[in-house]
Amino acid sequence: MTTVLIIVIAVIVIAAIALFLKRRADAKAAERARLREEAGQHRQQADAQASRAQELRPRADEAREQAEEHRQEAEMHRRQAERHEQAAEEKVEEAEKIDTSVRRSGEAAARHDEEAARREEKI
């Protein structure tokens, strides 16, 4: 009877171990299937993103070209503005010289007018 009991217990232990190993194998298989599915989804996303990157690259290149054109145009306008600023400063100096001449001419006209008035008094 003890032998039968030992055999029954051994069969139960072996069955429990077999069941445990089967569940573990099934869990690993399910995990591999899940990982395979996720890997497939990630590959699909990678392909989609790579395709999008190829589509966007020409737009990025065009934007860089336009940025360079704008930089060049801005530099041209900056140089032109400097030339205009210098021309404006020269015109201010010219206007100041002319203002000085106007003031001197006005003073001279006043002196000559006074002199003419004095001489007319003598007539």
N, C-alpha and C. Protein backbone atom coordinates (compact mmCIF):
# COMPACT_ATOMS: atom_id res chain seq x y z
N MET A 1 0.80 -1.17 0.00
CA MET A 1 0.00 0.00 0.00
C MET A 1 0.87 1.27 0.00
N THR A 2 1.93 1.28 0.75
CA THR A 2 2.82 2.42 0.76
C THR A 2 3.45 2.61 -0.62
N THR A 3 3.74 1.53 -1.27
CA THR A 3 4.33 1.64 -2.59
C THR A 3 3.32 2.28 -3.54
N VAL A 4 2.08 1.86 -3.44
CA VAL A 4 1.04 2.43 -4.29
C VAL A 4 0.88 3.91 -3.96
N LEU A 5 0.90 4.24 -2.69
CA LEU A 5 0.76 5.64 -2.28
C LEU A 5 1.94 6.47 -2.81
N ILE A 6 3.14 5.92 -2.74
CA ILE A 6 4.34 6.62 -3.25
C ILE A 6 4.20 6.80 -4.76
N ILE A 7 3.73 5.76 -5.44
CA ILE A 7 3.56 5.84 -6.90
C ILE A 7 2.50 6.89 -7.24
N VAL A 8 1.39 6.90 -6.52
CA VAL A 8 0.32 7.88 -6.77
C VAL A 8 0.84 9.29 -6.52
N ILE A 9 1.57 9.47 -5.43
CA ILE A 9 2.13 10.79 -5.13
C ILE A 9 3.13 11.19 -6.20
N ALA A 10 3.95 10.25 -6.64
CA ALA A 10 4.94 10.53 -7.68
C ALA A 10 4.24 10.91 -8.97
N VAL A 11 3.15 10.20 -9.32
CA VAL A 11 2.40 10.51 -10.54
C VAL A 11 1.78 11.91 -10.41
N ILE A 12 1.25 12.22 -9.24
CA ILE A 12 0.64 13.54 -9.02
C ILE A 12 1.71 14.63 -9.13
N VAL A 13 2.88 14.37 -8.52
CA VAL A 13 3.97 15.37 -8.59
C VAL A 13 4.42 15.53 -10.03
N ILE A 14 4.58 14.41 -10.74
CA ILE A 14 5.01 14.48 -12.15
C ILE A 14 3.96 15.21 -12.98
N ALA A 15 2.67 14.92 -12.73
CA ALA A 15 1.59 15.60 -13.46
C ALA A 15 1.60 17.10 -13.15
N ALA A 16 1.84 17.46 -11.88
CA ALA A 16 1.88 18.88 -11.50
C ALA A 16 3.05 19.58 -12.17
N ILE A 17 4.19 18.87 -12.18
CA ILE A 17 5.38 19.46 -12.85
C ILE A 17 5.11 19.61 -14.34
N ALA A 18 4.50 18.59 -14.94
CA ALA A 18 4.19 18.64 -16.38
C ALA A 18 3.21 19.77 -16.67
N LEU A 19 2.20 19.91 -15.79
CA LEU A 19 1.22 20.99 -15.97
C LEU A 19 1.91 22.36 -15.83
N PHE A 20 2.77 22.48 -14.83
CA PHE A 20 3.51 23.74 -14.63
C PHE A 20 4.37 24.05 -15.85
N LEU A 21 5.10 23.05 -16.34
CA LEU A 21 5.96 23.26 -17.51
C LEU A 21 5.13 23.60 -18.75
N LYS A 22 3.96 22.95 -18.89
CA LYS A 22 3.08 23.24 -20.04
C LYS A 22 2.58 24.69 -19.96
N ARG A 23 2.15 25.13 -18.76
CA ARG A 23 1.68 26.52 -18.61
C ARG A 23 2.81 27.50 -18.88
N ARG A 24 4.00 27.18 -18.39
CA ARG A 24 5.15 28.06 -18.63
C ARG A 24 5.48 28.13 -20.11
N ALA A 25 5.44 27.00 -20.80
CA ALA A 25 5.70 26.96 -22.24
C ALA A 25 4.62 27.75 -22.99
N ASP A 26 3.35 27.59 -22.57
CA ASP A 26 2.25 28.35 -23.20
C ASP A 26 2.41 29.85 -22.96
N ALA A 27 2.83 30.23 -21.75
CA ALA A 27 3.02 31.65 -21.43
C ALA A 27 4.16 32.22 -22.27
N LYS A 28 5.24 31.44 -22.41
CA LYS A 28 6.36 31.90 -23.23
C LYS A 28 5.95 32.03 -24.69
N ALA A 29 5.17 31.07 -25.16
CA ALA A 29 4.69 31.12 -26.55
C ALA A 29 3.79 32.34 -26.75
N ALA A 30 2.92 32.61 -25.77
CA ALA A 30 2.04 33.77 -25.86
C ALA A 30 2.88 35.06 -25.83
N GLU A 31 3.90 35.09 -24.98
CA GLU A 31 4.78 36.27 -24.90
C GLU A 31 5.52 36.47 -26.22
N ARG A 32 6.02 35.38 -26.81
CA ARG A 32 6.70 35.49 -28.12
C ARG A 32 5.74 35.99 -29.19
N ALA A 33 4.52 35.50 -29.17
CA ALA A 33 3.51 35.95 -30.15
C ALA A 33 3.22 37.43 -29.96
N ARG A 34 3.08 37.84 -28.68
CA ARG A 34 2.82 39.26 -28.40
C ARG A 34 3.99 40.12 -28.86
N LEU A 35 5.20 39.68 -28.55
CA LEU A 35 6.39 40.44 -28.96
C LEU A 35 6.52 40.48 -30.48
N ARG A 36 6.19 39.35 -31.14
CA ARG A 36 6.24 39.31 -32.60
C ARG A 36 5.25 40.33 -33.18
N GLU A 37 4.05 40.39 -32.59
CA GLU A 37 3.01 41.34 -33.04
C GLU A 37 3.48 42.77 -32.82
N GLU A 38 4.03 43.04 -31.63
CA GLU A 38 4.53 44.40 -31.33
C GLU A 38 5.68 44.77 -32.26
N ALA A 39 6.57 43.81 -32.51
CA ALA A 39 7.69 44.08 -33.42
C ALA A 39 7.16 44.41 -34.81
N GLY A 40 6.14 43.68 -35.25
CA GLY A 40 5.54 43.95 -36.56
C GLY A 40 4.94 45.35 -36.61
N GLN A 41 4.27 45.74 -35.53
CA GLN A 41 3.67 47.08 -35.48
C GLN A 41 4.77 48.16 -35.49
N HIS A 42 5.84 47.89 -34.73
CA HIS A 42 6.93 48.87 -34.72
C HIS A 42 7.61 48.96 -36.09
N ARG A 43 7.76 47.83 -36.76
CA ARG A 43 8.34 47.87 -38.11
C ARG A 43 7.43 48.66 -39.06
N GLN A 44 6.14 48.46 -38.90
CA GLN A 44 5.17 49.19 -39.73
C GLN A 44 5.30 50.70 -39.46
N GLN A 45 5.39 51.06 -38.19
CA GLN A 45 5.56 52.48 -37.83
C GLN A 45 6.89 53.02 -38.36
N ALA A 46 7.94 52.20 -38.25
CA ALA A 46 9.25 52.63 -38.75
C ALA A 46 9.19 52.89 -40.24
N ASP A 47 8.54 52.00 -40.98
CA ASP A 47 8.40 52.19 -42.43
C ASP A 47 7.61 53.45 -42.74
N ALA A 48 6.53 53.66 -41.99
CA ALA A 48 5.70 54.85 -42.22
C ALA A 48 6.50 56.13 -41.92
N GLN A 49 7.26 56.11 -40.83
CA GLN A 49 8.05 57.30 -40.48
C GLN A 49 9.18 57.53 -41.47
N ALA A 50 9.79 56.45 -41.95
CA ALA A 50 10.85 56.60 -42.97
C ALA A 50 10.27 57.17 -44.25
N SER A 51 9.09 56.72 -44.61
CA SER A 51 8.42 57.25 -45.81
C SER A 51 8.10 58.73 -45.62
N ARG A 52 7.61 59.08 -44.44
CA ARG A 52 7.29 60.48 -44.14
C ARG A 52 8.55 61.33 -44.19
N ALA A 53 9.64 60.81 -43.65
CA ALA A 53 10.90 61.56 -43.67
C ALA A 53 11.34 61.81 -45.10
N GLN A 54 11.18 60.82 -45.97
CA GLN A 54 11.56 61.02 -47.38
C GLN A 54 10.66 62.05 -48.05
N GLU A 55 9.40 62.05 -47.68
CA GLU A 55 8.48 63.04 -48.26
C GLU A 55 8.80 64.44 -47.76
N LEU A 56 9.19 64.56 -46.50
CA LEU A 56 9.44 65.89 -45.91
C LEU A 56 10.81 66.46 -46.27
N ARG A 57 11.76 65.61 -46.60
CA ARG A 57 13.12 66.08 -46.89
C ARG A 57 13.15 67.19 -47.96
N PRO A 58 12.45 67.03 -49.10
CA PRO A 58 12.48 68.11 -50.10
C PRO A 58 11.91 69.43 -49.55
N ARG A 59 10.88 69.34 -48.70
CA ARG A 59 10.32 70.57 -48.12
C ARG A 59 11.34 71.24 -47.21
N ALA A 60 12.07 70.43 -46.44
CA ALA A 60 13.09 70.99 -45.56
C ALA A 60 14.20 71.63 -46.38
N ASP A 61 14.60 70.96 -47.47
CA ASP A 61 15.64 71.53 -48.34
C ASP A 61 15.17 72.86 -48.94
N GLU A 62 13.92 72.89 -49.38
CA GLU A 62 13.36 74.12 -49.95
C GLU A 62 13.32 75.23 -48.91
N ALA A 63 12.92 74.89 -47.70
CA ALA A 63 12.87 75.89 -46.63
C ALA A 63 14.26 76.43 -46.33
N ARG A 64 15.28 75.54 -46.32
CA ARG A 64 16.66 76.00 -46.10
C ARG A 64 17.10 76.94 -47.23
N GLU A 65 16.76 76.59 -48.47
CA GLU A 65 17.13 77.45 -49.60
C GLU A 65 16.46 78.82 -49.47
N GLN A 66 15.19 78.82 -49.11
CA GLN A 66 14.47 80.09 -48.94
C GLN A 66 15.07 80.90 -47.80
N ALA A 67 15.46 80.22 -46.74
CA ALA A 67 16.08 80.92 -45.61
C ALA A 67 17.38 81.58 -46.06
N GLU A 68 18.16 80.87 -46.86
CA GLU A 68 19.42 81.44 -47.35
C GLU A 68 19.14 82.64 -48.26
N GLU A 69 18.13 82.53 -49.11
CA GLU A 69 17.77 83.66 -49.97
C GLU A 69 17.37 84.87 -49.12
N HIS A 70 16.58 84.62 -48.09
CA HIS A 70 16.17 85.72 -47.20
C HIS A 70 17.37 86.33 -46.48
N ARG A 71 18.31 85.47 -46.05
CA ARG A 71 19.51 86.00 -45.39
C ARG A 71 20.30 86.89 -46.36
N GLN A 72 20.45 86.42 -47.59
CA GLN A 72 21.19 87.22 -48.58
C GLN A 72 20.47 88.54 -48.86
N GLU A 73 19.15 88.46 -49.00
CA GLU A 73 18.38 89.67 -49.26
C GLU A 73 18.46 90.63 -48.07
N ALA A 74 18.41 90.08 -46.86
CA ALA A 74 18.52 90.91 -45.66
C ALA A 74 19.88 91.59 -45.62
N GLU A 75 20.92 90.86 -45.98
CA GLU A 75 22.27 91.45 -46.00
C GLU A 75 22.34 92.57 -47.04
N MET A 76 21.74 92.33 -48.21
CA MET A 76 21.72 93.36 -49.24
C MET A 76 21.00 94.61 -48.72
N HIS A 77 19.85 94.40 -48.06
CA HIS A 77 19.09 95.54 -47.52
C HIS A 77 19.88 96.24 -46.41
N ARG A 78 20.61 95.46 -45.62
CA ARG A 78 21.42 96.05 -44.55
C ARG A 78 22.50 96.96 -45.15
N ARG A 79 23.18 96.46 -46.20
CA ARG A 79 24.20 97.29 -46.85
C ARG A 79 23.57 98.53 -47.48
N GLN A 80 22.42 98.33 -48.12
CA GLN A 80 21.72 99.45 -48.75
C GLN A 80 21.30 100.46 -47.68
N ALA A 81 20.81 99.99 -46.56
CA ALA A 81 20.41 100.89 -45.47
C ALA A 81 21.62 101.66 -44.95
N GLU A 82 22.77 101.00 -44.86
CA GLU A 82 23.98 101.70 -44.42
C GLU A 82 24.35 102.81 -45.40
N ARG A 83 24.24 102.50 -46.70
CA ARG A 83 24.53 103.52 -47.72
C ARG A 83 23.56 104.69 -47.59
N HIS A 84 22.27 104.37 -47.39
CA HIS A 84 21.27 105.43 -47.24
C HIS A 84 21.53 106.25 -45.98
N GLU A 85 21.94 105.57 -44.91
CA GLU A 85 22.23 106.28 -43.66
C GLU A 85 23.41 107.23 -43.86
N GLN A 86 24.41 106.73 -44.55
CA GLN A 86 25.57 107.58 -44.82
C GLN A 86 25.18 108.77 -45.70
N ALA A 87 24.36 108.51 -46.73
CA ALA A 87 23.91 109.59 -47.61
C ALA A 87 23.08 110.61 -46.81
N ALA A 88 22.25 110.11 -45.88
CA ALA A 88 21.44 111.01 -45.06
C ALA A 88 22.34 111.88 -44.19
N GLU A 89 23.38 111.27 -43.59
CA GLU A 89 24.31 112.05 -42.77
C GLU A 89 25.01 113.13 -43.60
N GLU A 90 25.39 112.76 -44.83
CA GLU A 90 26.04 113.74 -45.71
C GLU A 90 25.07 114.88 -46.04
N LYS A 91 23.80 114.54 -46.28
CA LYS A 91 22.82 115.58 -46.59
C LYS A 91 22.56 116.47 -45.38
N VAL A 92 22.59 115.90 -44.17
CA VAL A 92 22.42 116.70 -42.96
C VAL A 92 23.58 117.69 -42.86
N GLU A 93 24.79 117.20 -43.11
CA GLU A 93 25.95 118.10 -43.07
C GLU A 93 25.82 119.20 -44.13
N GLU A 94 25.37 118.80 -45.33
CA GLU A 94 25.19 119.78 -46.40
C GLU A 94 24.14 120.81 -46.00
N ALA A 95 23.02 120.34 -45.42
CA ALA A 95 21.96 121.24 -45.00
C ALA A 95 22.47 122.19 -43.92
N GLU A 96 23.29 121.69 -43.00
CA GLU A 96 23.84 122.56 -41.95
C GLU A 96 24.75 123.63 -42.56
N LYS A 97 25.55 123.25 -43.56
CA LYS A 97 26.42 124.23 -44.23
C LYS A 97 25.58 125.28 -44.94
N ILE A 98 24.52 124.80 -45.61
CA ILE A 98 23.64 125.74 -46.33
C ILE A 98 22.94 126.65 -45.33
N ASP A 99 22.50 126.08 -44.18
CA ASP A 99 21.87 126.89 -43.13
C ASP A 99 22.83 127.98 -42.66
N THR A 100 24.09 127.62 -42.52
CA THR A 100 25.11 128.60 -42.10
C THR A 100 25.23 129.68 -43.17
N SER A 101 25.25 129.26 -44.44
CA SER A 101 25.33 130.24 -45.53
C SER A 101 24.10 131.13 -45.55
N VAL A 102 22.92 130.53 -45.32
CA VAL A 102 21.67 131.30 -45.30
C VAL A 102 21.74 132.34 -44.19
N ARG A 103 22.18 131.90 -42.99
CA ARG A 103 22.28 132.83 -41.86
C ARG A 103 23.26 133.95 -42.18
N ARG A 104 24.42 133.60 -42.73
CA ARG A 104 25.41 134.63 -43.06
C ARG A 104 24.88 135.57 -44.14
N SER A 105 24.20 134.99 -45.14
CA SER A 105 23.64 135.84 -46.20
C SER A 105 22.59 136.77 -45.63
N GLY A 106 21.76 136.26 -44.70
CA GLY A 106 20.74 137.09 -44.06
C GLY A 106 21.39 138.20 -43.25
N GLU A 107 22.47 137.85 -42.51
CA GLU A 107 23.17 138.88 -41.73
C GLU A 107 23.79 139.92 -42.65
N ALA A 108 24.38 139.44 -43.77
CA ALA A 108 24.98 140.37 -44.72
C ALA A 108 23.91 141.26 -45.35
N ALA A 109 22.76 140.66 -45.67
CA ALA A 109 21.66 141.45 -46.26
C ALA A 109 21.21 142.51 -45.27
N ALA A 110 21.13 142.14 -43.99
CA ALA A 110 20.71 143.11 -42.97
C ALA A 110 21.73 144.24 -42.87
N ARG A 111 23.02 143.89 -42.88
CA ARG A 111 24.06 144.93 -42.81
C ARG A 111 23.98 145.86 -44.02
N HIS A 112 23.82 145.24 -45.20
CA HIS A 112 23.74 146.07 -46.41
C HIS A 112 22.47 146.93 -46.40
N ASP A 113 21.39 146.38 -45.86
CA ASP A 113 20.16 147.15 -45.78
C ASP A 113 20.36 148.34 -44.83
N GLU A 114 21.01 148.11 -43.71
CA GLU A 114 21.29 149.20 -42.77
C GLU A 114 22.19 150.25 -43.42
N GLU A 115 23.20 149.76 -44.13
CA GLU A 115 24.12 150.69 -44.80
C GLU A 115 23.37 151.48 -45.87
N ALA A 116 22.50 150.81 -46.61
CA ALA A 116 21.73 151.51 -47.63
C ALA A 116 20.82 152.55 -46.98
N ALA A 117 20.22 152.21 -45.85
CA ALA A 117 19.36 153.16 -45.16
C ALA A 117 20.15 154.36 -44.68
N ARG A 118 21.34 154.15 -44.16
CA ARG A 118 22.17 155.27 -43.70
C ARG A 118 22.54 156.19 -44.87
N ARG A 119 22.87 155.58 -45.98
CA ARG A 119 23.27 156.40 -47.11
C ARG A 119 22.08 157.13 -47.69
N GLU A 120 20.93 156.50 -47.63
CA GLU A 120 19.74 157.17 -48.13
C GLU A 120 19.40 158.36 -47.25
N GLU A 121 19.71 158.25 -45.97
CA GLU A 121 19.47 159.38 -45.05
C GLU A 121 20.36 160.57 -45.42
N LYS A 122 21.50 160.25 -45.94
CA LYS A 122 22.44 161.31 -46.30
C LYS A 122 22.03 162.01 -47.60
N ILE A 123 21.19 161.40 -48.35
CA ILE A 123 20.80 162.00 -49.61
C ILE A 123 19.87 163.14 -49.37
